[in-house]
Protein backbone atom coordinates (compact mmCIF):
# COMPACT_ATOMS: atom_id res chain seq x y z
CA MET A 1 61.82 92.95 91.63
CA ILE A 2 58.12 93.54 92.12
CA GLU A 3 58.55 93.28 95.88
CA LEU A 4 61.48 95.75 95.79
CA LYS A 5 59.48 98.18 93.72
CA ARG A 6 56.71 98.10 96.31
CA LEU A 7 59.21 98.76 99.13
CA VAL A 8 60.82 101.62 97.24
CA ARG A 9 57.49 103.34 96.45
CA ASP A 10 56.75 103.34 100.15
CA LEU A 11 59.96 105.19 101.12
CA PRO A 12 59.72 108.86 102.15
CA ASP A 13 60.98 111.78 100.15
CA GLN A 14 63.52 112.57 102.85
CA PRO A 15 67.31 112.38 103.31
CA GLY A 16 68.83 109.23 104.79
CA VAL A 17 70.90 106.13 104.24
CA TYR A 18 69.76 103.02 102.44
CA LEU A 19 71.13 99.48 102.73
CA TRP A 20 70.50 96.94 99.94
CA LYS A 21 70.49 93.35 101.29
CA ASP A 22 70.49 89.86 99.82
CA GLU A 23 68.08 87.08 100.73
CA SER A 24 70.14 86.09 103.80
CA GLY A 25 70.09 89.67 105.12
CA ASN A 26 73.76 90.36 104.24
CA ILE A 27 74.48 93.99 103.39
CA LEU A 28 75.40 94.34 99.70
CA TYR A 29 75.64 98.12 99.39
CA ILE A 30 75.20 101.26 101.49
CA GLY A 31 74.34 104.62 100.02
CA LYS A 32 73.09 108.08 101.01
CA ALA A 33 70.35 110.12 99.44
CA LYS A 34 68.73 113.58 99.55
CA SER A 35 65.50 111.78 98.67
CA LEU A 36 65.44 108.14 99.55
CA ARG A 37 62.46 107.38 97.29
CA LYS A 38 63.95 109.00 94.18
CA ARG A 39 67.52 107.68 94.69
CA THR A 40 66.59 104.07 95.34
CA ALA A 41 64.11 104.04 92.43
CA SER A 42 67.02 104.71 90.07
CA TYR A 43 68.44 101.23 90.96
CA LEU A 44 65.36 99.52 89.53
CA ARG A 45 66.00 100.65 85.97
CA THR A 46 66.25 97.95 83.34
CA SER A 47 69.18 99.64 81.54
CA GLY A 48 71.87 102.21 82.08
CA LEU A 49 73.22 100.80 85.31
CA GLU A 50 76.96 100.47 85.90
CA LEU A 51 77.95 96.72 85.70
CA ARG A 52 78.95 96.62 89.36
CA ILE A 53 75.56 98.02 90.43
CA TRP A 54 73.65 95.81 87.97
CA GLU A 55 75.35 92.69 89.46
CA MET A 56 74.48 93.86 92.96
CA MET A 57 70.79 94.38 92.03
CA GLN A 58 70.61 90.78 90.76
CA LYS A 59 71.24 89.69 94.32
CA ALA A 60 69.21 92.35 96.16
CA ARG A 61 66.06 91.11 97.91
CA ASP A 62 65.45 93.73 100.61
CA ILE A 63 66.14 97.38 101.47
CA GLU A 64 66.58 98.97 104.86
CA VAL A 65 66.66 102.73 105.39
CA ILE A 66 67.81 105.05 108.19
CA LEU A 67 66.22 108.57 108.13
CA THR A 68 68.41 111.64 108.88
CA ASN A 69 67.58 115.32 109.26
CA THR A 70 69.98 116.51 106.52
CA GLU A 71 71.90 115.09 103.55
CA GLN A 72 75.12 115.94 105.34
CA GLU A 73 74.12 113.84 108.31
CA ALA A 74 73.35 111.02 105.83
CA LEU A 75 76.86 111.32 104.37
CA LEU A 76 78.52 111.05 107.78
CA LEU A 77 76.33 108.05 108.72
CA GLU A 78 77.04 106.39 105.32
CA ALA A 79 80.82 106.74 105.77
CA THR A 80 80.59 105.24 109.26
CA LEU A 81 78.48 102.28 108.15
CA ILE A 82 80.66 101.56 105.13
CA LYS A 83 83.75 101.49 107.35
CA LYS A 84 81.99 99.21 109.85
CA HIS A 85 80.41 96.69 107.44
CA GLN A 86 82.68 96.88 104.35
CA PRO A 87 79.88 95.95 101.89
CA PRO A 88 81.16 94.08 98.80
CA TYR A 89 79.68 96.53 96.23
CA ASN A 90 80.77 99.74 97.91
CA ILE A 91 84.06 101.53 97.07
CA ALA A 92 85.72 101.27 100.47
CA LEU A 93 89.27 101.68 101.79
CA LYS A 94 90.62 98.19 102.11
CA ASP A 95 92.93 98.85 105.09
CA ASP A 96 91.67 99.46 108.62
CA ARG A 97 94.54 101.86 109.55
CA VAL A 98 93.68 104.58 111.96
CA GLN A 99 95.72 107.67 111.24
CA THR A 100 98.38 108.87 113.70
CA TRP A 101 98.01 112.32 115.23
CA VAL A 102 99.83 114.55 117.69
CA ARG A 103 97.50 115.67 120.49
CA VAL A 104 98.12 118.55 122.90
CA ASP A 105 95.92 120.03 125.59
CA ARG A 106 96.98 123.68 125.84
CA SER A 107 94.70 124.26 128.77
CA ALA A 108 96.91 121.98 130.96
CA ARG A 109 99.45 123.60 133.30
CA PHE A 110 102.27 121.84 131.41
CA PRO A 111 100.95 120.88 128.00
CA THR A 112 102.51 117.71 126.64
CA PHE A 113 102.63 116.26 123.10
CA GLU A 114 101.10 112.75 122.75
CA ILE A 115 101.29 110.54 119.69
CA THR A 116 97.87 108.95 119.41
CA ARG A 117 95.32 107.25 117.14
CA ASP A 118 92.40 108.23 119.32
CA THR A 119 90.73 111.46 118.14
CA SER A 120 87.64 111.18 120.36
CA VAL A 121 88.97 113.61 123.01
CA THR A 122 87.48 117.11 122.46
CA ASN A 123 88.65 120.62 123.34
CA VAL A 124 92.26 119.78 122.50
CA ASP A 125 94.47 120.42 119.47
CA TYR A 126 95.36 117.77 116.90
CA PHE A 127 98.20 117.97 114.40
CA GLY A 128 98.53 115.59 111.48
CA PRO A 129 97.53 113.18 110.14
CA TYR A 130 100.72 111.10 109.93
CA GLY A 131 100.80 107.76 108.14
CA SER A 132 103.31 106.08 110.42
CA SER A 133 103.76 106.33 114.22
CA LYS A 134 107.38 105.12 113.85
CA ARG A 135 108.13 107.86 111.40
CA LEU A 136 106.50 110.43 113.69
CA ASN A 137 108.55 109.18 116.64
CA ARG A 138 111.70 109.68 114.61
CA VAL A 139 110.62 113.20 113.75
CA PHE A 140 110.02 114.04 117.37
CA ASP A 141 113.35 112.56 118.43
CA THR A 142 115.02 115.03 116.04
CA VAL A 143 112.88 118.19 116.61
CA ARG A 144 112.88 117.82 120.42
CA LYS A 145 116.63 118.33 120.43
CA TYR A 146 115.91 121.91 119.45
CA ILE A 147 112.43 122.33 121.00
CA PRO A 148 112.55 120.21 124.17
CA VAL A 149 108.87 119.73 125.02
CA ALA A 150 107.55 116.95 127.28
CA MET A 151 105.84 113.85 125.94
CA CYS A 152 104.87 112.20 129.22
CA ILE A 153 101.25 111.97 130.27
CA ASP A 154 101.27 114.47 133.14
CA PRO A 155 104.58 116.22 134.14
CA SER A 156 102.99 117.54 137.42
CA LYS A 157 102.90 113.96 138.69
CA GLU A 158 106.53 113.12 137.95
CA LYS A 159 108.99 113.14 140.93
CA ARG A 160 112.25 113.29 138.97
CA ALA A 161 113.58 114.12 135.51
CA CYS A 162 113.25 111.35 132.99
CA LEU A 163 115.79 110.00 130.53
CA ASP A 164 114.57 112.43 127.80
CA HIS A 165 115.86 115.32 129.90
CA HIS A 166 119.28 113.77 130.30
CA VAL A 167 119.66 113.25 126.54
CA GLY A 168 118.45 116.81 125.83
CA ARG A 169 114.93 116.14 124.49
CA CYS A 170 112.84 117.50 127.36
CA SER A 171 113.21 120.69 129.40
CA ALA A 172 111.82 118.83 132.51
CA PRO A 173 109.02 121.14 133.62
CA CYS A 174 108.10 118.34 136.04
CA VAL A 175 111.01 119.20 138.39
CA GLY A 176 111.21 122.91 137.73
CA LYS A 177 114.15 122.88 135.32
CA VAL A 178 112.24 125.45 133.19
CA SER A 179 109.80 128.15 134.21
CA GLU A 180 106.17 127.79 133.30
CA GLU A 181 106.41 130.83 131.04
CA ASP A 182 109.46 129.56 129.18
CA TYR A 183 107.89 126.10 128.84
CA ARG A 184 104.73 127.53 127.32
CA SER A 185 106.98 129.34 124.88
CA LEU A 186 108.38 126.00 123.90
CA VAL A 187 104.89 124.60 123.45
CA GLU A 188 103.98 127.45 121.13
CA GLN A 189 107.15 126.87 119.09
CA MET A 190 106.42 123.19 118.72
CA THR A 191 102.79 123.81 117.70
CA LEU A 192 103.96 126.31 115.03
CA TYR A 193 106.46 123.73 113.79
CA LEU A 194 103.82 120.96 113.58
CA ASP A 195 101.36 123.35 111.98
CA GLY A 196 103.84 124.16 109.27
CA ARG A 197 103.85 127.86 110.19
CA LEU A 198 107.60 127.94 109.92
CA GLY A 199 107.83 131.60 109.05
CA ARG A 200 105.91 132.56 112.11
CA LEU A 201 108.13 130.20 114.17
CA THR A 202 111.24 131.99 112.94
CA GLU A 203 109.72 135.36 113.78
CA LEU A 204 108.76 134.18 117.30
CA ILE A 205 112.23 132.91 118.11
CA ASN A 206 113.81 136.10 116.71
CA GLU A 207 111.48 138.17 118.90
CA GLN A 208 112.24 136.16 122.02
CA MET A 209 115.96 136.43 121.27
CA ARG A 210 115.69 140.22 120.99
CA ILE A 211 113.83 140.45 124.32
CA ALA A 212 116.41 138.25 126.03
CA SER A 213 119.21 140.52 124.70
CA ASP A 214 117.40 143.61 125.86
CA GLU A 215 117.12 142.11 129.34
CA LEU A 216 120.78 141.23 129.23
CA ASN A 217 119.94 137.59 129.48
CA PHE A 218 122.72 136.59 127.05
CA GLU A 219 122.68 132.95 128.01
CA ARG A 220 119.02 132.53 126.95
CA ALA A 221 119.64 134.63 123.87
CA ALA A 222 122.46 132.27 122.86
CA VAL A 223 120.21 129.24 123.37
CA LEU A 224 117.55 130.86 121.20
CA ARG A 225 120.14 131.80 118.57
CA ASP A 226 121.35 128.15 118.36
CA ARG A 227 117.75 126.92 118.21
CA LEU A 228 117.00 129.28 115.35
CA LEU A 229 120.09 127.99 113.47
CA ASP A 230 119.16 124.37 114.07
CA ILE A 231 115.52 124.93 112.88
CA SER A 232 116.76 126.81 109.79
CA ILE A 233 118.78 123.69 108.86
CA ILE A 234 115.63 121.62 109.15
CA LEU A 235 113.70 124.05 107.05
CA GLN A 236 116.29 123.84 104.25
CA LYS A 237 115.42 120.18 103.90
CA ARG A 238 111.78 121.02 103.44
CA ARG A 239 111.26 122.35 100.00
CA VAL A 240 108.68 125.06 99.31
CA VAL A 241 106.28 123.54 96.78
CA LEU A 242 103.35 125.96 97.01
CA LYS A 243 103.50 129.76 97.18
CA LYS A 244 100.22 129.89 99.00
CA LYS A 245 100.70 129.58 102.72
CA VAL A 246 97.36 127.78 103.15
CA ASP A 247 97.52 124.22 104.51
CA SER A 248 96.89 121.92 101.51
CA ASP A 249 96.35 118.32 100.64
CA VAL A 250 96.96 117.00 97.08
CA VAL A 251 95.07 113.83 96.07
CA GLY A 252 96.56 111.80 93.25
CA ILE A 253 95.59 108.40 91.85
CA ALA A 254 97.10 105.32 90.16
CA ARG A 255 95.17 102.26 88.95
CA THR A 256 95.34 98.73 87.69
CA GLU A 257 92.59 96.43 86.47
CA ASP A 258 91.51 95.53 90.04
CA ALA A 259 93.28 97.98 92.37
CA THR A 260 93.49 101.70 92.98
CA LEU A 261 95.91 103.66 95.13
CA ILE A 262 95.22 107.18 96.32
CA GLU A 263 98.36 109.22 97.08
CA LEU A 264 98.11 112.09 99.56
CA LEU A 265 100.67 114.88 99.59
CA ILE A 266 100.55 116.82 102.86
CA ILE A 267 101.58 120.47 102.47
CA ARG A 268 101.68 122.86 105.40
CA GLY A 269 102.72 126.47 105.16
CA GLY A 270 103.64 125.88 101.55
CA ARG A 271 106.16 123.17 102.44
CA LEU A 272 105.84 119.46 101.72
CA LEU A 273 105.79 117.81 105.17
CA GLY A 274 105.00 114.24 104.13
CA HIS A 275 102.75 111.87 102.23
CA ASP A 276 100.46 108.91 102.73
CA ASN A 277 98.65 106.45 100.46
CA PHE A 278 95.35 104.53 100.60
CA TYR A 279 94.38 101.33 98.80
CA PHE A 280 91.09 100.40 97.19
CA GLU A 281 90.12 97.15 95.46
CA VAL A 282 87.93 98.25 92.56
CA SER A 283 87.71 97.32 88.87
CA LEU A 284 88.36 99.72 86.04
CA GLU A 285 84.61 99.91 85.29
CA THR A 286 84.40 102.27 88.24
CA SER A 287 85.37 105.80 87.28
CA ASP A 288 88.19 107.83 88.84
CA ALA A 289 85.60 110.42 89.79
CA GLU A 290 83.57 107.95 91.77
CA ILE A 291 86.69 106.66 93.59
CA VAL A 292 87.90 110.13 94.51
CA ARG A 293 84.45 111.13 95.70
CA ALA A 294 84.30 108.03 97.89
CA PHE A 295 87.76 108.78 99.28
CA VAL A 296 86.83 112.35 100.18
CA GLU A 297 83.66 111.11 101.94
CA GLN A 298 85.35 108.29 103.87
CA TYR A 299 88.53 110.11 104.79
CA TYR A 300 88.03 113.85 105.33
CA PHE A 301 84.68 113.73 107.10
CA SER A 302 86.25 111.70 109.89
CA LEU A 303 89.28 113.95 110.50
CA PRO A 304 89.46 116.07 113.64
CA ARG A 305 91.32 118.74 111.69
CA LEU A 306 91.07 119.76 108.04
CA PRO A 307 93.44 121.66 105.67
CA GLY A 308 92.21 124.83 104.06
CA LEU A 309 92.67 123.45 100.52
CA ILE A 310 92.09 119.94 99.16
CA MET A 311 93.18 119.50 95.54
CA VAL A 312 91.77 116.41 93.82
CA CYS A 313 92.89 114.95 90.50
CA ILE A 314 89.44 114.86 88.90
CA ASP A 315 86.19 116.74 89.21
CA PHE A 316 83.19 114.84 90.52
CA PRO A 317 79.49 115.50 91.20
CA GLU A 318 78.70 117.27 94.47
CA ILE A 319 82.29 118.69 94.77
CA GLU A 320 80.97 122.16 95.63
CA LYS A 321 78.42 120.75 98.07
CA MET A 322 81.15 118.71 99.76
CA SER A 323 83.36 121.80 100.04
CA GLU A 324 80.49 123.56 101.86
CA TRP A 325 79.93 120.60 104.19
CA LEU A 326 83.65 120.34 105.00
CA SER A 327 83.71 124.07 105.76
CA GLU A 328 80.75 123.70 108.13
CA ARG A 329 82.52 120.82 109.84
CA ALA A 330 85.81 122.70 110.20
CA GLY A 331 84.19 125.97 111.27
CA ARG A 332 86.17 127.79 108.54
CA THR A 333 86.56 127.79 104.79
CA VAL A 334 87.73 124.52 103.27
CA ILE A 335 88.19 124.70 99.48
CA LEU A 336 87.85 121.53 97.43
CA HIS A 337 88.76 121.74 93.73
CA THR A 338 90.92 120.46 90.89
CA PRO A 339 94.27 122.21 90.12
CA ARG A 340 93.82 125.65 88.62
CA THR A 341 97.29 127.02 88.26
CA ASP A 342 100.52 125.69 86.68
CA GLU A 343 101.98 125.30 90.17
CA GLU A 344 98.99 123.25 91.38
CA ARG A 345 99.05 121.17 88.20
CA ASP A 346 102.76 120.38 88.81
CA LEU A 347 101.93 119.24 92.31
CA MET A 348 99.14 116.99 90.97
CA LYS A 349 101.61 115.39 88.49
CA MET A 350 103.94 114.81 91.47
CA ALA A 351 101.09 113.18 93.44
CA ASN A 352 100.15 110.93 90.46
CA ARG A 353 103.75 109.92 89.90
CA ASN A 354 104.12 108.98 93.56
CA ALA A 355 100.87 107.06 93.44
CA HIS A 356 102.07 105.15 90.39
CA ARG A 357 105.43 104.43 92.04
CA ALA A 358 103.79 103.25 95.32
CA LEU A 359 101.25 101.03 93.59
CA ARG A 360 103.98 99.56 91.35
CA LYS A 361 106.09 98.73 94.44
CA MET A 362 103.07 97.16 96.16
CA LEU A 363 102.26 94.95 93.18
CA MET A 364 105.91 94.04 92.60
CA LEU A 365 106.18 92.88 96.17
CA GLU A 366 103.06 90.77 95.63
CA GLY A 367 104.29 89.43 92.30
CA HIS A 368 101.72 91.33 90.22
CA ASP A 369 103.91 93.98 88.54
CA ASP A 370 102.31 93.03 85.17
CA LEU A 371 99.04 94.62 86.29
CA ILE A 372 100.39 98.17 86.36
CA ILE A 373 98.65 100.25 83.68
CA ASN A 374 100.81 100.87 80.66
CA GLU A 375 101.71 104.52 80.04
CA GLY A 376 100.44 104.41 76.48
CA VAL A 377 97.10 102.98 77.64
CA LYS A 378 96.75 105.80 80.19
CA ASP A 379 97.67 108.38 77.55
CA LEU A 380 95.23 106.92 75.02
CA ARG A 381 92.43 107.07 77.60
CA GLU A 382 93.03 110.79 78.06
CA VAL A 383 93.26 111.44 74.30
CA LEU A 384 89.95 109.64 73.59
CA GLY A 385 88.25 110.93 76.74
CA LEU A 386 87.30 107.40 77.83
CA LYS A 387 85.83 106.73 81.27
CA HIS A 388 88.18 103.82 81.85
CA ALA A 389 91.61 102.87 80.70
CA PRO A 390 91.38 100.67 77.63
CA ILE A 391 93.25 97.70 79.04
CA HIS A 392 91.82 95.29 76.45
CA ILE A 393 92.18 96.62 72.85
CA GLU A 394 91.40 94.75 69.66
CA GLY A 395 92.77 95.93 66.32
CA PHE A 396 91.41 95.00 62.83
CA ASP A 397 92.83 95.20 59.31
CA ILE A 398 91.88 93.82 55.87
CA SER A 399 94.39 92.48 53.30
CA ASN A 400 93.67 91.61 49.68
CA VAL A 401 95.33 92.07 46.27
CA GLN A 402 92.89 92.68 43.39
CA GLY A 403 90.24 90.99 45.54
CA THR A 404 91.97 87.64 45.64
CA ASP A 405 92.22 85.70 48.88
CA PRO A 406 90.87 88.57 51.00
CA THR A 407 91.62 88.15 54.68
CA GLY A 408 90.94 89.98 57.92
CA SER A 409 92.92 90.05 61.18
CA CYS A 410 91.99 90.75 64.75
CA VAL A 411 94.96 91.31 67.07
CA VAL A 412 94.51 91.55 70.82
CA PHE A 413 96.53 93.82 73.18
CA LYS A 414 96.30 93.54 76.92
CA ASN A 415 97.64 96.52 78.88
CA GLY A 416 99.63 97.66 75.92
CA VAL A 417 101.26 94.31 75.18
CA PRO A 418 100.35 91.89 72.34
CA ASP A 419 98.41 88.83 73.47
CA LYS A 420 99.28 86.65 70.48
CA ARG A 421 97.54 83.58 71.77
CA ASN A 422 94.20 85.38 71.18
CA TYR A 423 94.91 86.68 67.70
CA ARG A 424 92.33 85.61 65.18
CA MET A 425 92.41 85.40 61.35
CA PHE A 426 89.44 85.44 58.99
CA ARG A 427 89.07 84.35 55.34
CA VAL A 428 86.56 86.80 53.90
CA ARG A 429 83.49 84.99 52.48
CA SER A 430 81.21 87.72 51.24
CA LYS A 431 83.33 89.44 48.57
CA SER A 432 85.62 88.30 45.81
CA THR A 433 86.07 91.78 44.37
CA PRO A 434 87.81 94.62 46.34
CA ASP A 435 85.43 96.19 48.85
CA ASP A 436 87.17 97.10 52.06
CA TYR A 437 84.01 98.34 53.76
CA ALA A 438 82.03 95.15 53.17
CA MET A 439 84.98 93.01 54.20
CA MET A 440 85.50 95.03 57.37
CA HIS A 441 81.80 94.73 58.22
CA GLU A 442 81.97 90.98 57.74
CA VAL A 443 85.13 90.42 59.85
CA VAL A 444 83.95 92.67 62.77
CA TYR A 445 80.46 91.08 62.75
CA ARG A 446 81.82 87.55 62.73
CA ARG A 447 84.39 88.38 65.43
CA TYR A 448 81.91 89.68 67.96
CA LYS A 449 79.14 87.31 67.10
CA GLY A 450 81.52 84.55 68.07
CA VAL A 451 82.62 86.43 71.25
CA LEU A 452 78.99 86.69 72.32
CA GLN A 453 78.27 83.07 71.61
CA ARG A 454 81.33 81.90 73.61
CA GLY A 455 80.79 84.37 76.39
CA ASP A 456 84.25 85.83 76.05
CA SER A 457 85.17 89.24 77.39
CA LEU A 458 84.47 92.28 75.16
CA PRO A 459 87.25 94.77 74.52
CA ASP A 460 87.50 98.17 76.13
CA LEU A 461 88.41 99.72 72.72
CA ILE A 462 88.21 98.50 69.09
CA LEU A 463 90.82 100.10 66.76
CA ILE A 464 90.23 100.03 63.02
CA ASP A 465 92.83 100.65 60.33
CA GLY A 466 91.03 103.16 58.12
CA GLY A 467 89.11 106.46 58.14
CA LYS A 468 85.58 107.70 58.73
CA GLY A 469 84.05 105.20 56.33
CA HIS A 470 85.66 102.20 58.13
CA LEU A 471 84.55 103.68 61.45
CA ASN A 472 80.93 103.96 60.33
CA ILE A 473 80.79 100.45 58.85
CA THR A 474 82.31 99.00 62.02
CA CYS A 475 79.72 100.81 64.15
CA ARG A 476 76.94 99.42 61.90
CA ALA A 477 78.22 95.87 62.42
CA LEU A 478 78.27 96.39 66.20
CA GLU A 479 74.77 97.88 66.21
CA GLU A 480 73.47 94.78 64.46
CA LEU A 481 74.82 92.81 67.46
CA SER A 482 73.42 95.37 69.99
CA LEU A 483 77.05 96.24 70.92
CA ASP A 484 76.84 99.90 69.98
CA ASN A 485 78.05 100.84 73.47
CA LEU A 486 81.57 99.60 72.69
CA ASN A 487 84.28 102.20 72.13
CA VAL A 488 85.54 102.37 68.56
CA ALA A 489 88.28 104.39 66.93
CA ALA A 490 89.74 104.42 63.42
CA ILE A 491 93.19 105.58 62.53
CA ALA A 492 93.65 107.10 59.07
CA LYS A 493 96.65 105.98 57.12
CA ARG A 494 99.58 108.38 56.93
CA GLU A 495 97.84 111.29 58.64
CA GLU A 496 97.90 109.53 62.06
CA ILE A 497 94.40 111.00 62.87
CA LEU A 498 92.02 109.15 65.16
CA TYR A 499 88.23 109.24 64.38
CA THR A 500 85.59 108.27 66.89
CA ARG A 501 81.79 108.58 66.94
CA GLU A 502 82.01 111.59 69.20
CA LYS A 503 84.89 113.29 67.32
CA MET A 504 84.33 112.82 63.61
CA ASP A 505 86.54 115.92 62.93
CA GLY A 506 89.47 113.82 64.08
CA ILE A 507 91.94 113.78 66.92
CA PHE A 508 95.54 114.69 66.06
CA LEU A 509 98.01 112.64 68.01
CA ASN A 510 101.18 114.43 69.13
CA SER A 511 104.35 113.11 67.58
CA GLY A 512 106.27 111.10 70.17
CA SER A 513 103.24 110.64 72.46
CA LYS A 514 102.81 107.30 74.21
CA ALA A 515 99.29 107.10 72.81
CA LEU A 516 100.53 107.42 69.20
CA SER A 517 103.18 104.79 69.76
CA LEU A 518 100.58 102.35 71.08
CA VAL A 519 98.12 102.98 68.28
CA GLN A 520 100.82 102.57 65.63
CA HIS A 521 101.95 99.32 67.26
CA ILE A 522 98.47 97.87 67.19
CA ARG A 523 97.80 99.03 63.57
CA ASP A 524 101.11 97.68 62.30
CA GLU A 525 100.61 94.36 64.12
CA ALA A 526 97.05 93.98 62.66
CA HIS A 527 98.44 94.77 59.21
CA ARG A 528 101.31 92.31 59.57
CA PHE A 529 99.01 89.51 60.78
CA ALA A 530 96.44 90.10 57.94
CA GLN A 531 99.17 90.08 55.31
CA ARG A 532 100.74 86.98 56.70
CA TYR A 533 97.41 85.04 56.43
CA HIS A 534 96.79 86.53 52.97
CA HIS A 535 100.21 85.29 51.68
CA LYS A 536 99.53 81.91 53.19
CA LEU A 537 96.17 81.54 51.48
CA ARG A 538 97.63 82.82 48.21
CA GLU A 539 100.38 80.24 48.37
CA LYS A 540 97.98 77.48 49.11
CA ARG A 541 95.69 78.58 46.32
CA ILE A 542 98.49 78.47 43.76
CA THR A 543 99.91 75.21 44.93
CA GLY A 544 96.55 73.62 45.77
CA SER A 545 97.91 72.69 49.20
CA ILE A 546 94.85 74.15 50.83
CA LEU A 547 93.03 70.99 49.95
CA GLU A 548 95.14 69.25 52.53
CA GLU A 549 92.80 70.85 55.08
CA ALA A 550 89.62 69.74 53.34
CA PRO A 551 87.54 67.01 55.07
CA GLY A 552 87.56 63.64 53.37
CA ILE A 553 90.22 64.63 50.80
CA GLY A 554 93.32 62.47 50.84
CA PRO A 555 96.46 62.61 48.55
CA LYS A 556 94.90 60.63 45.76
CA ARG A 557 91.66 62.64 45.57
CA ARG A 558 93.65 65.91 45.88
CA ALA A 559 95.88 64.98 42.95
CA ALA A 560 92.86 63.94 40.87
CA LEU A 561 91.03 67.21 41.60
CA LEU A 562 93.97 69.39 40.66
CA LYS A 563 94.57 67.37 37.48
CA GLN A 564 90.89 67.71 36.51
CA PHE A 565 90.43 71.40 37.24
CA GLY A 566 94.00 72.82 36.96
CA SER A 567 94.03 74.86 40.23
CA ILE A 568 92.36 75.37 43.54
CA GLU A 569 90.22 78.14 41.93
CA GLY A 570 89.01 75.69 39.29
CA VAL A 571 88.05 73.23 42.06
CA ARG A 572 86.23 76.02 43.97
CA LYS A 573 84.17 77.06 40.87
CA ALA A 574 83.19 73.44 40.08
CA SER A 575 79.64 72.29 40.83
CA ILE A 576 78.84 69.31 43.07
CA GLU A 577 78.09 67.14 40.04
CA GLU A 578 81.41 68.07 38.42
CA LEU A 579 83.27 67.29 41.57
CA ALA A 580 81.52 63.98 41.92
CA GLU A 581 82.69 62.90 38.39
CA VAL A 582 86.38 63.09 39.41
CA ASP A 583 88.10 59.72 39.91
CA GLY A 584 87.83 58.54 43.54
CA MET A 585 85.09 61.11 44.48
CA THR A 586 81.59 60.30 45.59
CA ILE A 587 78.50 62.46 45.64
CA SER A 588 78.76 62.63 49.48
CA ALA A 589 82.44 63.67 49.37
CA ALA A 590 81.62 66.19 46.61
CA LYS A 591 78.91 67.86 48.74
CA LYS A 592 81.22 68.09 51.78
CA LEU A 593 84.08 69.57 49.72
CA HIS A 594 81.78 72.06 47.98
CA ALA A 595 80.36 73.22 51.28
CA TRP A 596 83.80 73.51 52.89
CA LEU A 597 85.34 75.46 50.00
CA ASN A 598 82.48 78.03 50.11
CA SER A 599 82.13 78.45 53.82
CA GLU A 600 85.42 77.62 55.57
CA THR A 601 87.05 80.58 57.45
């Protein structure tokens, strides 16, 4: 760390890209910075780092930097290097798909439409992106029946009409079956169609049909009339989803514990033309905002053509700056923001639903459908304003009647489902008189002291059955264990109000909400489990059968003890000397029994 601090102090206060490396020179993480010195120094903090970054810094032994002229140049270089090296601690797209585009060079004598993944050619037009070349080929097979443009490399070099012409999908400019003027009209119609400017396409064909009629070219007018009818049928299948005619992308998200899927709705001219999705492998400790920001950086800054509006599901730092950079790159305004109208919010819900469905399908095909985030868990995250979905929730309750046999329970829920193998029960040691607060403090403290000692995983959320007082006493127990960063909520009885550190005025849960159903399930399960153990202890206390569990106490000693003291409570109150005087007991057995009765959980 001393060596890294020395290297960081020597870095310039300039924009650039930094690469953290391990002792073998392997790249661990790639980032960009407006100021390399200030940004990299933040990684050397002793606290406050995200777990993923903290783990990375435990392995970091060297840093390499590449200076750039601007922060935007640094962003572009960062995205390129991440895609090339796929560092383990970066949020990076986990597929190496290259998007499919339609390319057309309108400066050519006979412009043709080429399906390609290569976007390096300049001074040409690109339309897309499209997720699947097969799907795009099918689209072209259909549309070219009505707008018969060429798809060969260079029609001027062809000597005869190809098969596409004979099946009605090409007007064969190569052999003069169509005039250059009429062919260019077809090219313009196809570009309007691909661009989603379907209203303008209809106007153009209507205008050409009128001109043909005025020139008494009724055959051409009939062809245009039929084309307009065919295109109108296609348009009916494409639902208008956005009143704005601006080209738009809608970025939704779905997540599991270790996977994230970004869903992209592609809207052109207000009509939904298609969709695509992108997969990340990233844990829930990484926020939605960080993932969406990484997607925007790695996806949009590499596109040859950008939509005018990009709607993202969550706000993130630098969103306005990214909008400016994308506008500079596109040479026109590109707006990047979260949904602002009811219409836009409905589209985002559609994108999120499609993301959830696509991720569910992916996981089901891989046999991991149990990893899909429960709807109640997602809803609870939004209600509480948590950074991450509370996949692992632990619920607590105390059960006692007049202070006798007080017990505590800890129930564990994983992704909204009870994990009964990890339930824990506690016999309260500290209080024999009713004191719910002291009992809750003891149970919570003992639970997480044991978790820390065993190295078990900590919960994403602790749910307490009680009100503000129970919340405060639970937080105090966690602070004593230096676990005050854990999320805690308390649910008041009957009112169904949630209290948290940040919202002591209470959060009212809507009746019928998925979050309320989940919280009630956890509370009821904790109550049931605590009462079950309480009844068990009470029964054993009355019958004395609890002594069956005591070390060194067989049937004869148990019978003698109960005969001497009358009940298990009498045995518990007896001194070591009194226990040792019972037939069959020794001073050693009395000490062991006394210690067990007063400390066993």
